[in-house]
Each structure stands twice: as structure tokens, then as C-alpha cells.
Amino acid sequence: MLFNSIDFILFFPIVAIIYYLIPNKFRYIWLLVCSYYFYMCWNAKYALLLLFSTAVTYVVSLLLEKIENSDYALEKKIRRKKLTMVFGLAVNLVLLGYFKYFNFFTGTINKVLEKISMEMVIPQYDILLPVGISFFVFQALSYTIDVYRKEIYAEKNFFKYALFVSFFSQLVAGPIERSKNLLKQINERHRLEYKAVWTGLLLMLWGFFLKLVLADRIAIVVNEVYGSPENYPGVYIVVATVLFAFQIYCDFNGYTMIARGAAGIMGFQLMENFDAPYYAGTVSEFWRRWHISLTSWFRDYLYIPLGGNRKGKIRKYLNILTVFGLSGLWHGASWTYVIWGLLNGFYQVVGDLLKPARDFVVEKCGIKRELFSHKFLKWFTTFVFVDFAWLFFRAEGLGHAKLLIKQLFHFNPWILFDGSLYQLGLAEKNFQFMIGMLLVLFAVDYCKYKKLDIIEKIYKQGVWLQAVVFAILFWVIIIFGIYGVEYEASQFIYFQF
């Protein structure tokens, strides 16, 4: 069930209304039933995988706590806890590895064998990737590790824990919630409040705006150019790649906003996943602002355990490259994703190495860091590097990526002025409308960058302004949204991960 489908528009109000009508002690059961129904709308049998992952991590966490409270000698206790945790992690990672990476790794091995003229071929299977498996597996793993570290107590109520893993609002594309945030809220009583409902609805509308008005409109141009790059050299590739940076941002952030808004209406506060990422002045800062739940997950559960920056520069840089290489692989079973991740890691390593030189130039030239011109130069430079990496993310394979890069080296800047861009699926006025809406996005994100809470400001102005803003967003979405062929809802990009 897609957020931008008629099914969800009917599903969510029913869920929220009944949630507030039934007694508090039954609410988590209702949300659990609704969450599994929501997931089963894609493929009912894969709900068993979700249940299996949930059951394994639930039992493992109870065992971890039981061992911790036992009378075993300290050394024996530590050893048993480690073995138990490793078992729980291994089961879930094998589950993820089989469904997401089996064909990728066997295909890679087969290509290597073919290169060295070996006839042995490892068979591949038609494996359907369960939607959202990377998200719910990582969420379950973080819970297990938190219990192992004694940062939280193991949840005794299986159904409450199952809701934590499967909460429909953020199940299939995040944010990847922590037990210290979401699981705690499941045990709280949520009252129906006007501000929470209005704020949630406004967040949902903004999410629909990002998805339907911007992301799906931009996708028309990007798909046209990336679908046949041999016909669109030079600046066409540049324009499409720049637009893809905003397509994936609007698409993924749109999902997150709808998820946070839907959860907020029912009293749940999900973590923020984006913080004006394209106003970042360095690639490192970009990753503190982009997909925050995943970045912080890798930081807390991989980068720091590997040693972080505590074991010298070389180890720090290896840790960064390892984390971002695995982050790329997490996004998809393709070498283009790995290259995308490694590129982002490489940027950060080089940026850290060059920092003393940059600081020296700024000091000797008397450059004032607070000036807008200096900040703009940093924003622009960071965007160029990040956007080039997005080319690999969007490419359909290494061959496709090579072709795209080759096509970049054509000189045809006149297409920016002769109307050629209006032949890429969007007529002139539609293309210009897209640019105008992107400027609206820039303005909203700039307010966020400056720590200005627009929603709070609107709320404080009273009901009349709240109604006006709500009505404008609603009608812009209804009139200018892209609803697909025969109004078929388009999938969110991150659903494939």
C-alpha cells in the first residue's frame, strides 16, 4: 500500500479514528494488526519474514537480559552474551543477505569465473526482494545491540515489540527508529490534541507536495535522459543529474514527512530524517543532514565499534571508507551503489586531509567565513561532488554509468537557451512551474537551515492562517500533482531498498 494511493487515503483515517476511540490498553494491538495488514498488501507471505525477524530478536534480547541477571561468573557471562548476540545478528543478516544479495554475489562470482575461463557456474534464483527488509532488519538489530549494551531493558510484551519493528508509518522506508525513542512511546498514553493533528496533517501535505508535485514531475525529465543517454549528451546529462539530486530528495523526504505526519496525528514522534542537506558546506556535513537515521545507525553500530577516530588517522579513514562502502551496498545489490558509497567516503577523507590547507588559505586571504558568498561557494562545491556521486546511484549498472560519464564530455550549452530542455517530457510552462516549485523548496529548506520552525510560526498566527496554508497546499497538490498513467500511484524510490 503506497502512501500516495487511494487505498492509503482511505486506510489511514480509519486507523487513526479507531485508534482514538478504543481503550488505551488495546491500542497497540490495533496498530499491530493494521501494520501487518499494511505490509501484507504488498506480499502477504513475506509478512512471515517480518514476523520471523521480530521473533528471533525478541527471544535473543530476553536471553541477553537473562544471562546478564544470572549468577554466572563474569567471564562466562560475557562470553555467553556475545555468542547470543552474534547468533541474533547472524540470523537477521543471513535473512537480509539471501533475499537482497544472493544473486548479486553469485552473479559477481560467475563473471569472475568466466573471466578466468572456468566453466563452473553458480545457479541463480528468481528471488523477490521483500519491501522494506533493509529497514526493519536494521531496526531489529539496533534493538538487540542496545539490549546487549544494557542501554535499554528487553521488552517483555511480544506484541509491543512487534509493533516497534512493524509500525506501518515507517515500516518500509524509515526513518530507522531506535527503541529508546519509539518503543518507549508505545507504552505511553496518547491524547487527541488539535495541535498534533493539525501539525501532522500539514507534514503529510508537505510530503505529498514533495512527492506528487516535485519528485514525480522531475522524474519525467530524469527518466527520459537516463533512459537513453546516447541521445542526450553534455548538458542534458548535467541537467538530468542535477534534477535527480532533487528528485531523490523530494521523493525520500516526501515519504518521511508523510510517515512523521501520520505518526504525529496518533501521538508518536518519529525522528527527523533530513535537515536541509543541500545547504551543507562539506560532504561530512551533508551526511549529518541526509538520511540521518541511517547515518547515525552506521555511526553508532559500526563506525564507533570499529574504532571511529580513536585509533589514528589511517584507521579513521579506513573506517570511513568501510562504513560508506557498506552503506552503498545497503542501498542496493549493485557495484554502482558501492561506488556511490565509496565516493562519498573518499570525499570525506580528502576533505579531512585538505582541511589544514583550506584553513591556511582562509586565514592568509582574510576570508570571512560568515559571509554569504563564502557559504554559497561551499554549498555549491559540496553539491557538485555529491551530485556527481548521485550519477552512480541512478545508473542502471557500471556500463550505464560509464556511458553517462562519457556523454558528459560534449559541449552544448546552447540547449539551456534554445528550448531543447522543453522536449524532455515537460512542456515549457510545466518545466518552468517545476523550477518555481524548486525555489519554494529552497526557501523552506533555507528557513530550516536557519533553525526557523515554519510550522510553529504558522500555528501561532491562529486558525485563519492555518486554514489558508492548508488550503493552498491541498489545492496545489490536487491541481498540479503528477498521478501517473491512468492515475496509478508511483512507487517511492527507497521502497526498493
Protein backbone atom coordinates (compact mmCIF):
# COMPACT_ATOMS: atom_id res chain seq x y z
CA MET A 1 0.00 0.00 0.00
CA LEU A 2 1.59 3.23 -1.16
CA PHE A 3 1.23 6.46 0.79
CA ASN A 4 0.23 8.24 -2.43
CA SER A 5 -2.54 5.76 -3.26
CA ILE A 6 -6.30 5.96 -2.78
CA ASP A 7 -6.04 2.85 -0.60
CA PHE A 8 -3.89 4.69 1.96
CA ILE A 9 -6.11 7.79 1.84
CA LEU A 10 -8.96 5.50 2.96
CA PHE A 11 -6.86 3.29 5.25
CA PHE A 12 -5.20 5.92 7.42
CA PRO A 13 -8.26 7.90 8.65
CA ILE A 14 -9.94 4.64 9.66
CA VAL A 15 -6.83 3.56 11.57
CA ALA A 16 -6.47 6.92 13.35
CA ILE A 17 -10.16 7.31 14.25
CA ILE A 18 -10.47 3.80 15.70
CA TYR A 19 -7.12 4.25 17.48
CA TYR A 20 -8.54 7.16 19.49
CA LEU A 21 -11.94 5.53 20.03
CA ILE A 22 -10.76 2.29 21.61
CA PRO A 23 -9.36 1.99 25.16
CA ASN A 24 -5.67 2.77 25.56
CA LYS A 25 -4.76 -0.77 26.63
CA PHE A 26 -5.90 -2.17 23.25
CA ARG A 27 -4.34 0.49 21.00
CA TYR A 28 -1.02 -1.21 20.42
CA ILE A 29 -2.85 -4.39 19.35
CA TRP A 30 -4.93 -2.38 16.87
CA LEU A 31 -1.83 -0.68 15.42
CA LEU A 32 -0.03 -4.03 15.19
CA VAL A 33 -2.91 -5.59 13.24
CA CYS A 34 -3.09 -2.55 10.95
CA SER A 35 0.69 -2.57 10.43
CA TYR A 36 0.74 -6.21 9.36
CA TYR A 37 -2.24 -5.62 7.07
CA PHE A 38 -0.39 -2.62 5.60
CA TYR A 39 2.68 -4.76 4.91
CA MET A 40 0.70 -7.73 3.59
CA CYS A 41 -0.85 -5.51 0.92
CA TRP A 42 2.44 -5.94 -0.98
CA ASN A 43 3.01 -9.65 -0.47
CA ALA A 44 1.19 -11.48 2.30
CA LYS A 45 3.67 -14.37 2.60
CA TYR A 46 6.59 -12.01 3.28
CA ALA A 47 4.89 -10.91 6.48
CA LEU A 48 6.26 -14.22 7.77
CA LEU A 49 9.80 -12.88 7.26
CA LEU A 50 8.91 -9.78 9.24
CA LEU A 51 7.44 -11.97 11.98
CA PHE A 52 10.48 -14.29 11.95
CA SER A 53 12.97 -11.41 12.29
CA THR A 54 10.85 -9.98 15.09
CA ALA A 55 10.61 -13.29 16.95
CA VAL A 56 14.35 -14.00 16.72
CA THR A 57 15.42 -10.60 18.05
CA TYR A 58 12.72 -10.70 20.74
CA VAL A 59 13.90 -14.08 22.08
CA VAL A 60 17.60 -13.18 21.74
CA SER A 61 17.09 -9.96 23.69
CA LEU A 62 15.26 -11.78 26.50
CA LEU A 63 18.11 -14.29 26.64
CA LEU A 64 20.67 -11.47 26.79
CA GLU A 65 18.88 -9.96 29.76
CA LYS A 66 18.50 -13.35 31.43
CA ILE A 67 22.25 -14.01 31.08
CA GLU A 68 23.04 -10.54 32.42
CA ASN A 69 20.92 -11.18 35.53
CA SER A 70 22.28 -14.70 36.06
CA ASP A 71 24.80 -15.90 38.64
CA TYR A 72 27.38 -16.87 36.03
CA ALA A 73 30.98 -15.81 36.53
CA LEU A 74 31.75 -12.54 34.76
CA GLU A 75 33.90 -14.15 32.06
CA LYS A 76 31.28 -16.80 31.31
CA LYS A 77 28.54 -14.17 31.30
CA ILE A 78 30.39 -12.01 28.78
CA ARG A 79 31.11 -14.99 26.53
CA ARG A 80 27.50 -16.21 26.55
CA LYS A 81 26.15 -12.74 25.88
CA LYS A 82 28.46 -12.32 22.91
CA LEU A 83 27.53 -15.70 21.46
CA THR A 84 23.83 -14.97 21.90
CA MET A 85 24.07 -11.55 20.31
CA VAL A 86 26.17 -12.86 17.41
CA PHE A 87 23.55 -15.56 16.80
CA GLY A 88 20.75 -12.98 16.69
CA LEU A 89 22.70 -10.68 14.37
CA ALA A 90 23.78 -13.55 12.12
CA VAL A 91 20.25 -14.90 11.63
CA ASN A 92 18.94 -11.50 10.58
CA LEU A 93 21.93 -10.69 8.38
CA VAL A 94 21.64 -14.07 6.64
CA LEU A 95 17.97 -13.33 6.05
CA LEU A 96 18.85 -9.95 4.55
CA GLY A 97 21.80 -11.38 2.63
CA TYR A 98 19.81 -14.15 0.98
CA PHE A 99 16.90 -12.05 -0.24
CA LYS A 100 18.89 -8.97 -1.20
CA TYR A 101 22.40 -10.08 -2.12
CA PHE A 102 22.42 -13.78 -3.08
CA ASN A 103 22.05 -13.20 -6.82
CA PHE A 104 24.38 -10.19 -6.68
CA PHE A 105 27.25 -12.15 -5.15
CA THR A 106 26.69 -15.30 -7.22
CA GLY A 107 26.45 -13.18 -10.36
CA THR A 108 29.73 -11.46 -9.48
CA ILE A 109 31.44 -14.81 -8.84
CA ASN A 110 30.14 -16.17 -12.15
CA LYS A 111 31.59 -13.18 -14.01
CA VAL A 112 34.96 -13.66 -12.32
CA LEU A 113 34.93 -17.38 -13.22
CA GLU A 114 34.05 -16.51 -16.80
CA LYS A 115 36.97 -14.06 -16.97
CA ILE A 116 39.43 -16.78 -15.92
CA SER A 117 37.85 -19.31 -18.31
CA MET A 118 36.35 -21.59 -15.69
CA GLU A 119 33.19 -23.42 -16.77
CA MET A 120 31.62 -23.79 -13.30
CA VAL A 121 28.51 -21.63 -12.96
CA ILE A 122 26.77 -21.00 -9.64
CA PRO A 123 22.99 -21.11 -10.19
CA GLN A 124 20.88 -18.04 -9.53
CA TYR A 125 17.26 -17.91 -8.41
CA ASP A 126 14.27 -15.70 -9.03
CA ILE A 127 14.15 -14.03 -5.61
CA LEU A 128 11.61 -11.30 -4.98
CA LEU A 129 13.02 -8.64 -2.66
CA PRO A 130 10.68 -8.15 0.34
CA VAL A 131 9.78 -4.47 0.54
CA GLY A 132 11.45 -2.62 3.40
CA ILE A 133 13.60 -5.58 4.53
CA SER A 134 16.72 -3.42 4.96
CA PHE A 135 14.82 -1.05 7.21
CA PHE A 136 13.08 -3.48 9.55
CA VAL A 137 16.13 -5.74 9.85
CA PHE A 138 18.35 -2.79 10.84
CA GLN A 139 15.73 -1.58 13.31
CA ALA A 140 15.53 -5.02 14.92
CA LEU A 141 19.34 -5.31 15.03
CA SER A 142 19.73 -1.96 16.75
CA TYR A 143 17.29 -3.09 19.45
CA THR A 144 19.31 -6.27 20.07
CA ILE A 145 22.56 -4.34 20.31
CA ASP A 146 21.01 -1.79 22.66
CA VAL A 147 19.88 -4.58 24.99
CA TYR A 148 23.34 -6.18 24.78
CA ARG A 149 24.93 -2.85 25.73
CA LYS A 150 22.44 -2.50 28.62
CA GLU A 151 21.21 0.81 27.20
CA ILE A 152 17.60 -0.42 27.41
CA TYR A 153 15.70 -3.24 29.09
CA ALA A 154 14.33 -6.03 26.92
CA GLU A 155 10.64 -5.57 26.16
CA LYS A 156 8.66 -8.39 27.78
CA ASN A 157 5.46 -7.87 25.79
CA PHE A 158 6.00 -9.53 22.41
CA PHE A 159 3.17 -7.63 20.72
CA LYS A 160 4.52 -4.24 21.77
CA TYR A 161 7.95 -5.18 20.48
CA ALA A 162 6.40 -6.48 17.25
CA LEU A 163 4.69 -3.11 16.80
CA PHE A 164 8.04 -1.36 17.29
CA VAL A 165 9.50 -3.35 14.39
CA SER A 166 6.45 -3.18 12.14
CA PHE A 167 4.83 0.23 12.83
CA PHE A 168 3.23 0.93 9.44
CA SER A 169 4.07 4.62 9.35
CA GLN A 170 7.81 3.98 8.98
CA LEU A 171 7.98 0.27 8.22
CA VAL A 172 9.06 0.17 4.59
CA ALA A 173 11.30 3.24 4.19
CA GLY A 174 12.14 4.55 7.62
CA PRO A 175 13.20 6.52 9.41
CA ILE A 176 15.06 3.65 11.12
CA GLU A 177 13.80 4.22 14.62
CA ARG A 178 15.61 3.47 17.87
CA SER A 179 13.98 1.51 20.67
CA LYS A 180 14.87 4.31 23.10
CA ASN A 181 12.51 6.57 21.13
CA LEU A 182 9.68 4.59 19.52
CA LEU A 183 9.36 1.61 21.86
CA LYS A 184 9.10 3.96 24.82
CA GLN A 185 6.26 5.85 23.10
CA ILE A 186 4.31 2.63 22.51
CA ASN A 187 3.98 2.35 26.29
CA GLU A 188 2.67 5.91 26.65
CA ARG A 189 -0.91 7.15 26.56
CA HIS A 190 -1.60 9.49 23.63
CA ARG A 191 -4.41 12.00 23.84
CA LEU A 192 -6.17 13.53 20.86
CA GLU A 193 -4.83 17.09 20.54
CA TYR A 194 -5.67 19.72 17.94
CA LYS A 195 -2.07 20.88 17.51
CA ALA A 196 -0.77 17.36 16.97
CA VAL A 197 -3.46 16.61 14.38
CA TRP A 198 -3.00 19.92 12.52
CA THR A 199 0.79 19.62 12.55
CA GLY A 200 0.60 16.01 11.39
CA LEU A 201 -1.77 16.86 8.54
CA LEU A 202 0.46 19.75 7.43
CA LEU A 203 3.53 17.49 7.45
CA MET A 204 1.63 14.93 5.39
CA LEU A 205 0.52 17.58 2.90
CA TRP A 206 4.09 18.84 2.56
CA GLY A 207 5.19 15.25 1.98
CA PHE A 208 2.56 14.78 -0.73
CA PHE A 209 3.67 18.08 -2.29
CA LEU A 210 7.30 16.92 -2.40
CA LYS A 211 6.34 13.57 -3.90
CA LEU A 212 3.47 14.37 -6.28
CA VAL A 213 4.24 17.92 -7.36
CA LEU A 214 8.05 17.82 -7.42
CA ALA A 215 9.59 14.32 -7.33
CA ASP A 216 7.25 12.69 -9.84
CA ARG A 217 7.39 15.73 -12.13
CA ILE A 218 11.20 15.80 -12.05
CA ALA A 219 11.24 12.03 -12.68
CA ILE A 220 9.77 12.59 -16.16
CA VAL A 221 12.86 14.55 -17.27
CA VAL A 222 15.37 12.32 -15.45
CA ASN A 223 13.87 9.10 -16.82
CA GLU A 224 13.88 10.48 -20.36
CA VAL A 225 17.58 11.40 -20.31
CA TYR A 226 18.85 8.47 -18.24
CA GLY A 227 16.68 6.07 -20.24
CA SER A 228 18.59 6.84 -23.47
CA PRO A 229 21.77 8.78 -22.63
CA GLU A 230 23.17 8.11 -26.09
CA ASN A 231 20.59 10.60 -27.42
CA TYR A 232 21.25 13.28 -24.79
CA PRO A 233 24.92 14.27 -24.49
CA GLY A 234 26.62 17.01 -22.50
CA VAL A 235 24.42 19.48 -20.70
CA TYR A 236 21.41 17.18 -20.96
CA ILE A 237 23.20 14.73 -18.65
CA VAL A 238 24.23 17.57 -16.33
CA VAL A 239 20.67 18.90 -16.08
CA ALA A 240 19.19 15.43 -15.53
CA THR A 241 21.78 14.60 -12.86
CA VAL A 242 21.18 17.88 -11.03
CA LEU A 243 17.45 17.27 -11.19
CA PHE A 244 17.89 13.71 -9.92
CA ALA A 245 19.54 15.09 -6.78
CA PHE A 246 16.29 16.92 -6.06
CA GLN A 247 14.09 14.07 -7.26
CA ILE A 248 15.52 11.62 -4.76
CA TYR A 249 15.48 14.26 -2.02
CA CYS A 250 11.85 15.19 -2.63
CA ASP A 251 10.84 11.54 -3.04
CA PHE A 252 12.52 10.24 0.11
CA ASN A 253 11.89 13.31 2.24
CA GLY A 254 8.30 13.29 1.00
CA TYR A 255 7.88 9.74 2.30
CA THR A 256 9.48 10.71 5.61
CA MET A 257 7.21 13.73 6.03
CA ILE A 258 4.10 11.63 5.39
CA ALA A 259 5.38 9.00 7.83
CA ARG A 260 6.14 11.57 10.52
CA GLY A 261 2.83 13.33 9.97
CA ALA A 262 0.76 10.15 10.14
CA ALA A 263 2.58 9.05 13.29
CA GLY A 264 2.23 12.53 14.81
CA ILE A 265 -1.54 12.52 14.38
CA MET A 266 -1.63 9.44 16.61
CA GLY A 267 0.75 10.98 19.13
CA PHE A 268 4.04 9.35 18.02
CA GLN A 269 7.12 11.49 17.35
CA LEU A 270 9.41 9.92 14.76
CA MET A 271 12.95 11.17 14.39
CA GLU A 272 13.76 13.77 11.74
CA ASN A 273 15.49 12.22 8.74
CA PHE A 274 16.54 15.29 6.74
CA ASP A 275 17.87 18.67 7.78
CA ALA A 276 18.26 20.87 4.67
CA PRO A 277 21.04 18.62 3.29
CA TYR A 278 21.80 20.69 0.19
CA TYR A 279 22.78 23.62 2.39
CA ALA A 280 25.68 21.57 3.72
CA GLY A 281 29.11 23.18 3.38
CA THR A 282 31.06 19.90 3.30
CA VAL A 283 30.29 16.30 2.34
CA SER A 284 30.66 15.32 6.01
CA GLU A 285 28.04 17.88 6.94
CA PHE A 286 25.83 16.65 4.10
CA TRP A 287 25.82 13.20 5.69
CA ARG A 288 24.89 14.68 9.05
CA ARG A 289 21.85 16.17 7.33
CA TRP A 290 20.89 13.42 4.84
CA HIS A 291 19.11 10.19 5.86
CA ILE A 292 20.01 10.95 9.44
CA SER A 293 18.55 7.73 10.84
CA LEU A 294 20.77 5.55 8.62
CA THR A 295 23.88 7.71 9.02
CA SER A 296 23.55 7.68 12.80
CA TRP A 297 22.85 3.92 12.72
CA PHE A 298 26.14 3.24 10.92
CA ARG A 299 27.94 5.67 13.22
CA ASP A 300 26.66 4.09 16.44
CA TYR A 301 26.67 0.42 15.46
CA LEU A 302 29.60 0.18 13.04
CA TYR A 303 31.89 3.23 12.85
CA ILE A 304 32.39 3.66 16.61
CA PRO A 305 32.76 -0.11 17.31
CA LEU A 306 35.40 -0.24 14.54
CA GLY A 307 37.36 2.37 16.47
CA GLY A 308 35.93 5.57 14.99
CA ASN A 309 38.56 8.28 15.08
CA ARG A 310 40.21 6.97 18.26
CA LYS A 311 42.94 4.85 16.67
CA GLY A 312 44.83 7.26 14.46
CA LYS A 313 44.27 8.91 11.10
CA ILE A 314 44.81 5.87 8.87
CA ARG A 315 42.40 3.72 10.89
CA LYS A 316 39.88 6.57 10.90
CA TYR A 317 39.99 6.85 7.11
CA LEU A 318 39.69 3.10 6.65
CA ASN A 319 36.69 3.12 8.98
CA ILE A 320 35.05 5.90 6.97
CA LEU A 321 35.58 4.05 3.67
CA THR A 322 34.35 0.79 5.18
CA VAL A 323 31.20 2.39 6.58
CA PHE A 324 30.33 4.23 3.38
CA GLY A 325 31.14 1.26 1.18
CA LEU A 326 28.74 -0.87 3.25
CA SER A 327 26.23 1.98 3.27
CA GLY A 328 26.29 1.90 -0.52
CA LEU A 329 25.80 -1.86 -0.51
CA TRP A 330 22.92 -1.46 1.97
CA HIS A 331 21.15 0.69 -0.63
CA GLY A 332 21.29 -1.91 -3.34
CA ALA A 333 22.87 -5.08 -4.70
CA SER A 334 24.94 -3.40 -7.41
CA TRP A 335 28.51 -2.20 -7.74
CA THR A 336 27.21 1.24 -8.71
CA TYR A 337 25.81 1.64 -5.19
CA VAL A 338 29.13 0.54 -3.70
CA ILE A 339 30.99 3.09 -5.84
CA TRP A 340 28.48 5.75 -4.80
CA GLY A 341 29.12 4.96 -1.15
CA LEU A 342 32.90 4.81 -1.53
CA LEU A 343 32.91 8.11 -3.42
CA ASN A 344 31.12 9.80 -0.52
CA GLY A 345 33.61 8.25 1.88
CA PHE A 346 36.55 9.29 -0.32
CA TYR A 347 35.28 12.88 -0.42
CA GLN A 348 35.33 12.98 3.38
CA VAL A 349 38.81 11.51 3.64
CA VAL A 350 40.19 14.02 1.13
CA GLY A 351 38.26 16.83 2.81
CA ASP A 352 39.79 15.97 6.17
CA LEU A 353 43.29 15.77 4.67
CA LEU A 354 42.91 19.15 2.97
CA LYS A 355 41.32 20.92 5.95
CA PRO A 356 44.62 22.41 7.25
CA ALA A 357 45.38 23.78 3.77
CA ARG A 358 41.87 25.27 3.46
CA ASP A 359 42.13 26.86 6.89
CA PHE A 360 45.54 28.30 5.95
CA VAL A 361 44.19 29.88 2.74
CA VAL A 362 41.16 31.32 4.55
CA GLU A 363 43.37 32.85 7.25
CA LYS A 364 46.03 34.25 4.90
CA CYS A 365 43.48 35.68 2.47
CA GLY A 366 41.40 37.20 5.26
CA ILE A 367 38.27 35.41 4.11
CA LYS A 368 35.32 35.87 6.44
CA ARG A 369 33.61 32.53 6.86
CA GLU A 370 30.31 34.12 7.89
CA LEU A 371 29.91 35.94 4.55
CA PHE A 372 27.12 34.63 2.31
CA SER A 373 29.47 34.46 -0.68
CA HIS A 374 31.82 32.11 1.18
CA LYS A 375 28.93 29.93 2.38
CA PHE A 376 27.45 29.84 -1.13
CA LEU A 377 30.77 28.69 -2.60
CA LYS A 378 30.90 25.87 -0.04
CA TRP A 379 27.28 24.89 -0.74
CA PHE A 380 27.90 24.87 -4.49
CA THR A 381 31.15 22.89 -4.26
CA THR A 382 29.63 20.32 -1.94
CA PHE A 383 26.60 19.93 -4.19
CA VAL A 384 28.80 19.33 -7.25
CA PHE A 385 30.67 16.50 -5.52
CA VAL A 386 27.53 14.95 -4.03
CA ASP A 387 25.66 15.27 -7.31
CA PHE A 388 28.39 13.54 -9.31
CA ALA A 389 28.13 10.61 -6.91
CA TRP A 390 24.35 10.54 -7.46
CA LEU A 391 25.08 9.67 -11.12
CA PHE A 392 26.29 6.23 -9.99
CA PHE A 393 23.30 5.86 -7.66
CA ARG A 394 20.88 6.46 -10.55
CA ALA A 395 22.79 4.47 -13.18
CA GLU A 396 21.39 1.05 -14.04
CA GLY A 397 24.82 -0.61 -13.96
CA LEU A 398 28.52 0.03 -14.44
CA GLY A 399 28.18 0.09 -18.23
CA HIS A 400 25.38 2.62 -18.00
CA ALA A 401 27.44 4.76 -15.60
CA LYS A 402 30.42 4.72 -17.98
CA LEU A 403 28.20 5.80 -20.87
CA LEU A 404 26.73 8.64 -18.81
CA ILE A 405 30.18 9.91 -17.84
CA LYS A 406 31.38 9.62 -21.45
CA GLN A 407 28.35 11.59 -22.66
CA LEU A 408 29.15 14.37 -20.17
CA PHE A 409 32.11 15.47 -22.28
CA HIS A 410 30.13 17.18 -25.02
CA PHE A 411 29.97 20.94 -25.38
CA ASN A 412 26.39 22.01 -25.99
CA PRO A 413 25.49 24.81 -23.51
CA TRP A 414 23.12 26.43 -26.03
CA ILE A 415 20.43 23.86 -25.16
CA LEU A 416 19.86 25.85 -21.97
CA PHE A 417 18.51 28.71 -24.08
CA ASP A 418 17.06 27.27 -27.30
CA GLY A 419 14.13 25.42 -25.76
CA SER A 420 15.64 21.95 -26.13
CA LEU A 421 15.02 21.18 -22.45
CA TYR A 422 11.31 21.51 -23.09
CA GLN A 423 11.45 18.39 -25.29
CA LEU A 424 12.25 16.06 -22.39
CA GLY A 425 8.70 15.24 -21.40
CA LEU A 426 7.69 18.56 -19.80
CA ALA A 427 6.34 21.39 -21.92
CA GLU A 428 7.74 24.89 -21.37
CA LYS A 429 5.21 26.08 -18.78
CA ASN A 430 5.32 22.76 -16.94
CA PHE A 431 9.13 22.86 -16.84
CA GLN A 432 9.10 26.45 -15.57
CA PHE A 433 6.50 25.52 -12.95
CA MET A 434 8.85 22.77 -11.75
CA ILE A 435 11.67 25.33 -11.38
CA GLY A 436 9.33 27.64 -9.47
CA MET A 437 8.35 24.88 -7.05
CA LEU A 438 12.03 24.02 -6.53
CA LEU A 439 12.57 27.64 -5.50
CA VAL A 440 9.80 27.18 -2.93
CA LEU A 441 11.67 24.12 -1.65
CA PHE A 442 14.91 26.12 -1.43
CA ALA A 443 13.13 28.80 0.59
CA VAL A 444 11.57 26.29 3.00
CA ASP A 445 14.88 24.48 3.46
CA TYR A 446 16.71 27.76 3.99
CA CYS A 447 14.35 28.55 6.86
CA LYS A 448 15.10 25.08 8.25
CA TYR A 449 18.84 25.71 7.81
CA LYS A 450 18.45 28.94 9.80
CA LYS A 451 16.59 26.99 12.54
CA LEU A 452 13.30 28.76 11.84
CA ASP A 453 10.35 26.50 12.67
CA ILE A 454 7.83 27.44 9.96
CA ILE A 455 5.10 25.14 11.27
CA GLU A 456 5.32 26.63 14.75
CA LYS A 457 5.25 30.15 13.31
CA ILE A 458 2.13 29.37 11.26
CA TYR A 459 0.45 27.72 14.23
CA LYS A 460 0.99 30.75 16.43
CA GLN A 461 -0.72 33.04 13.88
CA GLY A 462 -4.11 31.47 14.54
CA VAL A 463 -6.68 29.28 12.84
CA TRP A 464 -7.25 31.53 9.81
CA LEU A 465 -3.64 31.33 8.60
CA GLN A 466 -3.51 27.63 9.38
CA ALA A 467 -6.56 27.12 7.17
CA VAL A 468 -5.15 29.26 4.34
CA VAL A 469 -1.81 27.40 4.28
CA PHE A 470 -3.57 24.06 4.46
CA ALA A 471 -5.95 25.01 1.62
CA ILE A 472 -3.16 26.32 -0.65
CA LEU A 473 -1.06 23.17 -0.23
CA PHE A 474 -4.10 20.95 -0.74
CA TRP A 475 -5.16 22.59 -3.99
CA VAL A 476 -1.63 22.80 -5.39
CA ILE A 477 -1.31 19.04 -4.83
CA ILE A 478 -4.73 18.30 -6.34
CA ILE A 479 -4.25 20.53 -9.39
CA PHE A 480 -0.53 20.16 -10.12
CA GLY A 481 0.27 16.70 -8.79
CA ILE A 482 1.56 14.03 -11.14
CA TYR A 483 -0.64 10.98 -10.67
CA GLY A 484 0.93 8.55 -13.13
CA VAL A 485 -0.51 6.71 -16.10
CA GLU A 486 -4.22 6.22 -15.55
CA TYR A 487 -3.73 7.63 -12.04
CA GLU A 488 -1.59 4.70 -10.94
CA ALA A 489 0.42 5.74 -7.87
CA SER A 490 4.17 5.77 -8.45
CA GLN A 491 6.39 3.90 -6.03
CA PHE A 492 8.77 5.72 -3.70
CA ILE A 493 12.42 5.29 -4.71
CA TYR A 494 13.56 3.96 -1.33
CA PHE A 495 10.98 1.16 -1.35
CA GLN A 496 13.45 -0.86 -3.45
CA PHE A 497 15.96 -0.82 -0.58
